[in-house]
Structures are given as structure tokens and as C-alpha cells.
């Protein structure tokens, strides 16, 4: 792809605005870092001043981010990314870390055939469980759960209510789901209730 050069005369106001923009770009650490990373010089910056100005504006919007609901980007949850390919500056809009987290969570949730948990439970992970204050029995359960990942068959956890069985298995199910495996997280009372309601559905009985 060849660059098309168009030459046009600028009035004094436009020229001053361009010079002010170039001065701002030359002194911004983020632009300096971009030029160094992409191995470009001042001439490249002058040729792409408008695009680099838009890039800087996008970075500024994200630097004051208060959450996706307050996103100020033209495309919600997506910021402007710049790359140089064969000397040509390419602009693309990419998901920010917050939007990427939402996308990952949706992809993760889609791996569940059945999920009888709260939305916040989807964020649990085996790696996030701390063993510092846990009992030896719980540590044994944790190790058994981890070892069950690469073994055929299943694992059966038992104990008094409130000892962390559901928490542990939810985290384990999430780790499977994050790998793209199909998972069902079923609580028996809810499953029985759903089953009874299905039996009352004429279409289901057929």
C-alpha cells in the first residue's frame, strides 16, 4: 500500500493549531513511547499528527475511567489502538480491560449448561482461594479437588454446612468453564424444582 500525499495551503489559524498539536504530541510521554516502540521519527509524527491527536484523546478518556457505565469513548468500552504496518499508521478500536472482562465473563458463562449460582460466583477461581487460615481438612479437600482435574471419574466432598464445599466446587467448575469445557453446576433443590415445573409443561411431556 502506497501513501497518497495531498498538499494544501493552510491559513494562519489552522497552521497555529497544527503547530500547537505537534508541540503537545512531541512532549507527551505516551506518544514518545509509541514512536520508540514503533521505531518512528519526528517526520512520521508530522505526517500523522491528526491521527496521533485522536489517539491521545482516546488515551485521555480512558485515563479518567470510572467504569463502563461512564465510558466516554465513541464506541463504549473500546479505545483507539495504533499500529504501524509497512510505514502506514493503522487505527483500530479494541476492548478496554473492563470491556474485555465483561466479554470473558459472558464467554465463560456460555460454557455452563446449567448454573445454579449467583452472578458473582462466576468470578471465583481455584487460584484465588487462600489456604493461610484454612483447616487441614479443607486443605486436603482443596488438594483432592485440584488432583481430580486430570483424573477420570469424580470427587465427592462432604461435611457440615458452611465449611466451604460449595465455594470450592464453584471455583473448580469455573476453571473448567474458562477452558471452554461444558459444565453443569447444579443445586439439587433448584434442580428438583425445575424438573417439577418441566413436568407441568405440556410441551415437555410430549
C-alpha atoms as a PDB file:
ATOM      1  CA  UNK A   1       0.000   0.000   0.000  1.00  0.00           C
ATOM      2  CA  UNK A   2       1.434   3.379  -1.019  1.00  0.00           C
ATOM      3  CA  UNK A   3       0.863   6.585   0.868  1.00  0.00           C
ATOM      4  CA  UNK A   4      -1.097   9.213  -1.035  1.00  0.00           C
ATOM      5  CA  UNK A   5       0.249  12.690  -0.373  1.00  0.00           C
ATOM      6  CA  UNK A   6      -2.069  15.674  -0.700  1.00  0.00           C
ATOM      7  CA  UNK A   7      -0.641  19.169  -0.409  1.00  0.00           C
ATOM      8  CA  UNK A   8      -2.888  22.067   0.529  1.00  0.00           C
ATOM      9  CA  UNK A   9      -2.254  25.554   1.807  1.00  0.00           C
ATOM     10  CA  UNK A  10      -3.240  26.232   5.430  1.00  0.00           C
ATOM     11  CA  UNK A  11      -4.478  29.537   6.747  1.00  0.00           C
ATOM     12  CA  UNK A  12      -2.728  31.064   9.761  1.00  0.00           C
ATOM     13  CA  UNK A  13      -5.284  29.814  12.291  1.00  0.00           C
ATOM     14  CA  UNK A  14      -5.044  26.238  11.007  1.00  0.00           C
ATOM     15  CA  UNK A  15      -1.258  26.404  10.944  1.00  0.00           C
ATOM     16  CA  UNK A  16      -1.090  27.614  14.541  1.00  0.00           C
ATOM     17  CA  UNK A  17      -3.485  24.889  15.666  1.00  0.00           C
ATOM     18  CA  UNK A  18      -1.367  22.263  13.928  1.00  0.00           C
ATOM     19  CA  UNK A  19       1.826  23.574  15.499  1.00  0.00           C
ATOM     20  CA  UNK A  20       0.202  23.551  18.928  1.00  0.00           C
ATOM     21  CA  UNK A  21      -0.917  19.960  18.392  1.00  0.00           C
ATOM     22  CA  UNK A  22       2.537  18.885  17.241  1.00  0.00           C
ATOM     23  CA  UNK A  23       4.140  20.544  20.260  1.00  0.00           C
ATOM     24  CA  UNK A  24       1.716  18.694  22.539  1.00  0.00           C
ATOM     25  CA  UNK A  25       2.419  15.379  20.823  1.00  0.00           C
ATOM     26  CA  UNK A  26       6.196  15.805  20.861  1.00  0.00           C
ATOM     27  CA  UNK A  27       6.188  16.346  24.626  1.00  0.00           C
ATOM     28  CA  UNK A  28       3.698  13.681  25.661  1.00  0.00           C
ATOM     29  CA  UNK A  29       5.468  10.627  27.205  1.00  0.00           C
ATOM     30  CA  UNK A  30       2.890   8.255  25.745  1.00  0.00           C
ATOM     31  CA  UNK A  31       3.489   9.482  22.209  1.00  0.00           C
ATOM     32  CA  UNK A  32       7.251   9.395  22.725  1.00  0.00           C
ATOM     33  CA  UNK A  33       6.961   5.798  23.924  1.00  0.00           C
ATOM     34  CA  UNK A  34       4.768   4.918  20.937  1.00  0.00           C
ATOM     35  CA  UNK A  35       7.289   6.334  18.462  1.00  0.00           C
ATOM     36  CA  UNK A  36      10.117   4.459  20.172  1.00  0.00           C
ATOM     37  CA  UNK A  37       8.184   1.184  20.183  1.00  0.00           C
ATOM     38  CA  UNK A  38       7.176   1.521  16.540  1.00  0.00           C
ATOM     39  CA  UNK A  39      10.638   2.814  15.566  1.00  0.00           C
ATOM     40  CA  UNK A  40       9.317   6.026  14.027  1.00  0.00           C
ATOM     41  CA  UNK A  41      10.669   9.576  13.996  1.00  0.00           C
ATOM     42  CA  UNK A  42       9.508  13.173  14.058  1.00  0.00           C
ATOM     43  CA  UNK A  43       8.701  13.181  10.354  1.00  0.00           C
ATOM     44  CA  UNK A  44       6.276  10.302  10.862  1.00  0.00           C
ATOM     45  CA  UNK A  45       4.654  12.243  13.691  1.00  0.00           C
ATOM     46  CA  UNK A  46       4.186  15.307  11.496  1.00  0.00           C
ATOM     47  CA  UNK A  47       2.674  13.228   8.709  1.00  0.00           C
ATOM     48  CA  UNK A  48       0.194  11.592  11.114  1.00  0.00           C
ATOM     49  CA  UNK A  49      -0.441  14.426  13.550  1.00  0.00           C
ATOM     50  CA  UNK A  50      -4.224  14.294  13.234  1.00  0.00           C
ATOM     51  CA  UNK A  51      -4.436  10.547  13.862  1.00  0.00           C
ATOM     52  CA  UNK A  52      -1.977  10.730  16.749  1.00  0.00           C
ATOM     53  CA  UNK A  53      -4.062  13.538  18.239  1.00  0.00           C
ATOM     54  CA  UNK A  54      -7.124  11.287  18.156  1.00  0.00           C
ATOM     55  CA  UNK A  55      -5.065   8.527  19.753  1.00  0.00           C
ATOM     56  CA  UNK A  56      -4.017  10.852  22.564  1.00  0.00           C
ATOM     57  CA  UNK A  57      -7.618  11.945  23.119  1.00  0.00           C
ATOM     58  CA  UNK A  58      -8.650   8.296  23.405  1.00  0.00           C
ATOM     59  CA  UNK A  59      -5.913   7.619  25.955  1.00  0.00           C
ATOM     60  CA  UNK A  60      -7.005  10.650  27.969  1.00  0.00           C
ATOM     61  CA  UNK A  61     -10.606   9.433  28.079  1.00  0.00           C
ATOM     62  CA  UNK A  62      -9.507   6.040  29.392  1.00  0.00           C
ATOM     63  CA  UNK A  63      -7.103   7.512  31.946  1.00  0.00           C
ATOM     64  CA  UNK A  64     -10.051   9.016  33.843  1.00  0.00           C
ATOM     65  CA  UNK A  65     -12.259   5.928  33.525  1.00  0.00           C
ATOM     66  CA  UNK A  66     -14.868   5.454  36.275  1.00  0.00           C
ATOM     67  CA  UNK A  67     -16.394   2.309  34.804  1.00  0.00           C
ATOM     68  CA  UNK A  68     -18.142   1.135  31.652  1.00  0.00           C
ATOM     69  CA  UNK A  69     -21.373   2.889  32.581  1.00  0.00           C
ATOM     70  CA  UNK A  70     -19.489   6.214  32.421  1.00  0.00           C
ATOM     71  CA  UNK A  71     -17.452   5.393  29.302  1.00  0.00           C
ATOM     72  CA  UNK A  72     -16.751   8.478  27.175  1.00  0.00           C
ATOM     73  CA  UNK A  73     -15.335   6.679  24.157  1.00  0.00           C
ATOM     74  CA  UNK A  74     -17.172   6.929  20.793  1.00  0.00           C
ATOM     75  CA  UNK A  75     -17.554   3.142  20.970  1.00  0.00           C
ATOM     76  CA  UNK A  76     -18.436   2.153  24.532  1.00  0.00           C
ATOM     77  CA  UNK A  77     -15.772   0.014  26.152  1.00  0.00           C
ATOM     78  CA  UNK A  78     -13.368   0.315  23.215  1.00  0.00           C
ATOM     79  CA  UNK A  79     -10.322   2.519  22.932  1.00  0.00           C
ATOM     80  CA  UNK A  80      -8.307   3.567  19.906  1.00  0.00           C
ATOM     81  CA  UNK A  81      -5.210   1.477  19.227  1.00  0.00           C
ATOM     82  CA  UNK A  82      -2.463   2.397  16.780  1.00  0.00           C
ATOM     83  CA  UNK A  83      -0.018   0.183  14.903  1.00  0.00           C
ATOM     84  CA  UNK A  84       2.434   0.867  12.104  1.00  0.00           C
ATOM     85  CA  UNK A  85       2.368  -1.652   9.253  1.00  0.00           C
ATOM     86  CA  UNK A  86       4.826  -1.130   6.393  1.00  0.00           C
ATOM     87  CA  UNK A  87       5.158   2.508   7.372  1.00  0.00           C
ATOM     88  CA  UNK A  88       1.393   3.086   7.366  1.00  0.00           C
ATOM     89  CA  UNK A  89      -0.422   4.028  10.573  1.00  0.00           C
ATOM     90  CA  UNK A  90      -3.418   1.761  11.175  1.00  0.00           C
ATOM     91  CA  UNK A  91      -6.231   2.630  13.589  1.00  0.00           C
ATOM     92  CA  UNK A  92      -8.400   0.030  15.306  1.00  0.00           C
ATOM     93  CA  UNK A  93     -10.795   0.103  18.242  1.00  0.00           C
ATOM     94  CA  UNK A  94     -10.034  -2.592  20.809  1.00  0.00           C
ATOM     95  CA  UNK A  95     -11.838  -3.575  24.039  1.00  0.00           C
ATOM     96  CA  UNK A  96     -10.505  -1.947  27.188  1.00  0.00           C
ATOM     97  CA  UNK A  97      -9.675  -4.132  30.188  1.00  0.00           C
ATOM     98  CA  UNK A  98     -13.126  -3.576  31.687  1.00  0.00           C
ATOM     99  CA  UNK A  99     -14.930  -4.465  28.471  1.00  0.00           C
ATOM    100  CA  UNK A 100     -12.637  -7.464  27.963  1.00  0.00           C
ATOM    101  CA  UNK A 101     -13.519  -8.683  31.445  1.00  0.00           C
ATOM    102  CA  UNK A 102     -17.225  -8.473  30.550  1.00  0.00           C
ATOM    103  CA  UNK A 103     -16.625 -10.359  27.296  1.00  0.00           C
ATOM    104  CA  UNK A 104     -14.607 -13.054  29.084  1.00  0.00           C
ATOM    105  CA  UNK A 105     -17.343 -13.445  31.688  1.00  0.00           C
ATOM    106  CA  UNK A 106     -20.013 -13.858  29.009  1.00  0.00           C
ATOM    107  CA  UNK A 107     -17.878 -16.426  27.178  1.00  0.00           C
ATOM    108  CA  UNK A 108     -17.236 -18.187  30.459  1.00  0.00           C
ATOM    109  CA  UNK A 109     -20.959 -18.198  31.341  1.00  0.00           C
ATOM    110  CA  UNK A 110     -21.844 -19.686  27.961  1.00  0.00           C
ATOM    111  CA  UNK A 111     -19.842 -22.808  28.877  1.00  0.00           C
ATOM    112  CA  UNK A 112     -22.408 -23.672  31.548  1.00  0.00           C
ATOM    113  CA  UNK A 113     -25.300 -25.919  30.557  1.00  0.00           C
ATOM    114  CA  UNK A 114     -26.851 -25.289  33.980  1.00  0.00           C
ATOM    115  CA  UNK A 115     -25.698 -22.728  36.526  1.00  0.00           C
ATOM    116  CA  UNK A 116     -27.431 -22.571  39.908  1.00  0.00           C
ATOM    117  CA  UNK A 117     -25.252 -19.857  41.372  1.00  0.00           C
ATOM    118  CA  UNK A 118     -25.109 -16.113  41.837  1.00  0.00           C
ATOM    119  CA  UNK A 119     -23.546 -13.883  39.129  1.00  0.00           C
ATOM    120  CA  UNK A 120     -20.662 -13.052  41.445  1.00  0.00           C
ATOM    121  CA  UNK A 121     -19.821 -16.740  41.774  1.00  0.00           C
ATOM    122  CA  UNK A 122     -18.626 -16.752  38.156  1.00  0.00           C
ATOM    123  CA  UNK A 123     -15.558 -14.765  39.211  1.00  0.00           C
ATOM    124  CA  UNK A 124     -14.306 -17.443  41.617  1.00  0.00           C
ATOM    125  CA  UNK A 125     -11.191 -19.440  40.764  1.00  0.00           C
ATOM    126  CA  UNK A 126      -9.135 -22.130  42.448  1.00  0.00           C
ATOM    127  CA  UNK A 127      -6.129 -19.816  42.217  1.00  0.00           C
ATOM    128  CA  UNK A 128      -7.945 -17.134  44.207  1.00  0.00           C
ATOM    129  CA  UNK A 129      -8.508 -19.408  47.227  1.00  0.00           C
ATOM    130  CA  UNK A 130      -6.097 -18.676  50.060  1.00  0.00           C
ATOM    131  CA  UNK A 131      -5.012 -21.557  52.305  1.00  0.00           C
ATOM    132  CA  UNK A 132      -3.457 -19.374  55.015  1.00  0.00           C
ATOM    133  CA  UNK A 133      -6.265 -19.731  57.559  1.00  0.00           C
ATOM    134  CA  UNK A 134      -7.899 -22.945  56.417  1.00  0.00           C
ATOM    135  CA  UNK A 135      -8.110 -26.166  58.399  1.00  0.00           C
ATOM    136  CA  UNK A 136      -6.079 -29.255  57.457  1.00  0.00           C
ATOM    137  CA  UNK A 137      -9.328 -30.928  56.368  1.00  0.00           C
ATOM    138  CA  UNK A 138     -10.136 -28.088  53.971  1.00  0.00           C
ATOM    139  CA  UNK A 139      -6.589 -28.127  52.602  1.00  0.00           C
ATOM    140  CA  UNK A 140      -6.962 -31.857  51.932  1.00  0.00           C
ATOM    141  CA  UNK A 141     -10.225 -31.193  50.097  1.00  0.00           C
ATOM    142  CA  UNK A 142      -8.566 -28.460  48.039  1.00  0.00           C
ATOM    143  CA  UNK A 143      -5.707 -30.761  47.040  1.00  0.00           C
ATOM    144  CA  UNK A 144      -8.136 -33.562  46.163  1.00  0.00           C
ATOM    145  CA  UNK A 145     -10.169 -31.172  44.011  1.00  0.00           C
ATOM    146  CA  UNK A 146      -7.071 -29.989  42.180  1.00  0.00           C
ATOM    147  CA  UNK A 147      -5.853 -33.536  41.601  1.00  0.00           C
ATOM    148  CA  UNK A 148      -9.261 -34.574  40.253  1.00  0.00           C
ATOM    149  CA  UNK A 149      -8.840 -32.288  37.248  1.00  0.00           C
ATOM    150  CA  UNK A 150      -6.599 -34.716  35.348  1.00  0.00           C
ATOM    151  CA  UNK A 151      -8.227 -37.920  36.571  1.00  0.00           C
ATOM    152  CA  UNK A 152     -11.242 -39.850  35.269  1.00  0.00           C
ATOM    153  CA  UNK A 153     -14.285 -40.101  37.498  1.00  0.00           C
ATOM    154  CA  UNK A 154     -15.358 -37.523  40.032  1.00  0.00           C
ATOM    155  CA  UNK A 155     -14.854 -36.223  43.538  1.00  0.00           C
ATOM    156  CA  UNK A 156     -17.253 -36.326  46.478  1.00  0.00           C
ATOM    157  CA  UNK A 157     -16.979 -33.685  49.199  1.00  0.00           C
ATOM    158  CA  UNK A 158     -18.897 -33.990  52.450  1.00  0.00           C
ATOM    159  CA  UNK A 159     -19.035 -32.052  55.691  1.00  0.00           C
ATOM    160  CA  UNK A 160     -21.074 -29.701  57.822  1.00  0.00           C
ATOM    161  CA  UNK A 161     -22.891 -26.729  56.250  1.00  0.00           C
ATOM    162  CA  UNK A 162     -20.753 -23.619  55.893  1.00  0.00           C
ATOM    163  CA  UNK A 163     -17.408 -25.391  55.603  1.00  0.00           C
ATOM    164  CA  UNK A 164     -16.766 -24.181  52.034  1.00  0.00           C
ATOM    165  CA  UNK A 165     -17.759 -27.188  49.924  1.00  0.00           C
ATOM    166  CA  UNK A 166     -19.917 -25.201  47.507  1.00  0.00           C
ATOM    167  CA  UNK A 167     -17.359 -22.406  47.272  1.00  0.00           C
ATOM    168  CA  UNK A 168     -14.611 -24.876  46.411  1.00  0.00           C
ATOM    169  CA  UNK A 169     -16.643 -26.714  43.777  1.00  0.00           C
ATOM    170  CA  UNK A 170     -17.869 -23.460  42.246  1.00  0.00           C
ATOM    171  CA  UNK A 171     -14.266 -22.316  41.792  1.00  0.00           C
ATOM    172  CA  UNK A 172     -13.361 -25.687  40.269  1.00  0.00           C
ATOM    173  CA  UNK A 173     -16.332 -25.564  37.876  1.00  0.00           C
ATOM    174  CA  UNK A 174     -15.325 -22.052  36.810  1.00  0.00           C
ATOM    175  CA  UNK A 175     -11.810 -23.180  35.978  1.00  0.00           C
ATOM    176  CA  UNK A 176     -13.244 -25.911  33.738  1.00  0.00           C
ATOM    177  CA  UNK A 177     -15.585 -23.405  32.087  1.00  0.00           C
ATOM    178  CA  UNK A 178     -12.703 -20.991  31.431  1.00  0.00           C
ATOM    179  CA  UNK A 179     -11.019 -23.746  29.455  1.00  0.00           C
ATOM    180  CA  UNK A 180     -14.074 -23.864  27.199  1.00  0.00           C
ATOM    181  CA  UNK A 181     -15.329 -27.154  28.661  1.00  0.00           C
ATOM    182  CA  UNK A 182     -19.078 -27.674  29.083  1.00  0.00           C
ATOM    183  CA  UNK A 183     -20.036 -27.576  32.743  1.00  0.00           C
ATOM    184  CA  UNK A 184     -23.192 -28.011  34.838  1.00  0.00           C
ATOM    185  CA  UNK A 185     -23.329 -26.508  38.333  1.00  0.00           C
ATOM    186  CA  UNK A 186     -26.467 -27.940  39.898  1.00  0.00           C
ATOM    187  CA  UNK A 187     -28.017 -27.432  43.318  1.00  0.00           C
ATOM    188  CA  UNK A 188     -30.371 -30.326  43.988  1.00  0.00           C
ATOM    189  CA  UNK A 189     -33.314 -28.333  45.463  1.00  0.00           C
ATOM    190  CA  UNK A 190     -33.314 -25.991  42.459  1.00  0.00           C
ATOM    191  CA  UNK A 191     -32.901 -28.883  40.058  1.00  0.00           C
ATOM    192  CA  UNK A 192     -35.895 -30.720  41.572  1.00  0.00           C
ATOM    193  CA  UNK A 193     -37.950 -27.530  41.380  1.00  0.00           C
ATOM    194  CA  UNK A 194     -37.037 -27.009  37.710  1.00  0.00           C
ATOM    195  CA  UNK A 195     -37.790 -30.663  36.973  1.00  0.00           C
ATOM    196  CA  UNK A 196     -41.239 -30.446  38.553  1.00  0.00           C
ATOM    197  CA  UNK A 197     -42.047 -27.310  36.586  1.00  0.00           C
ATOM    198  CA  UNK A 198     -40.952 -29.056  33.408  1.00  0.00           C
ATOM    199  CA  UNK A 199     -43.324 -31.942  34.108  1.00  0.00           C
ATOM    200  CA  UNK A 200     -46.182 -29.458  34.264  1.00  0.00           C
ATOM    201  CA  UNK A 201     -45.260 -28.145  30.806  1.00  0.00           C
ATOM    202  CA  UNK A 202     -47.372 -29.938  28.135  1.00  0.00           C
ATOM    203  CA  UNK A 203     -44.661 -29.469  25.512  1.00  0.00           C
ATOM    204  CA  UNK A 204     -42.104 -31.131  27.790  1.00  0.00           C
ATOM    205  CA  UNK A 205     -44.346 -34.167  28.404  1.00  0.00           C
ATOM    206  CA  UNK A 206     -44.745 -34.687  24.672  1.00  0.00           C
END
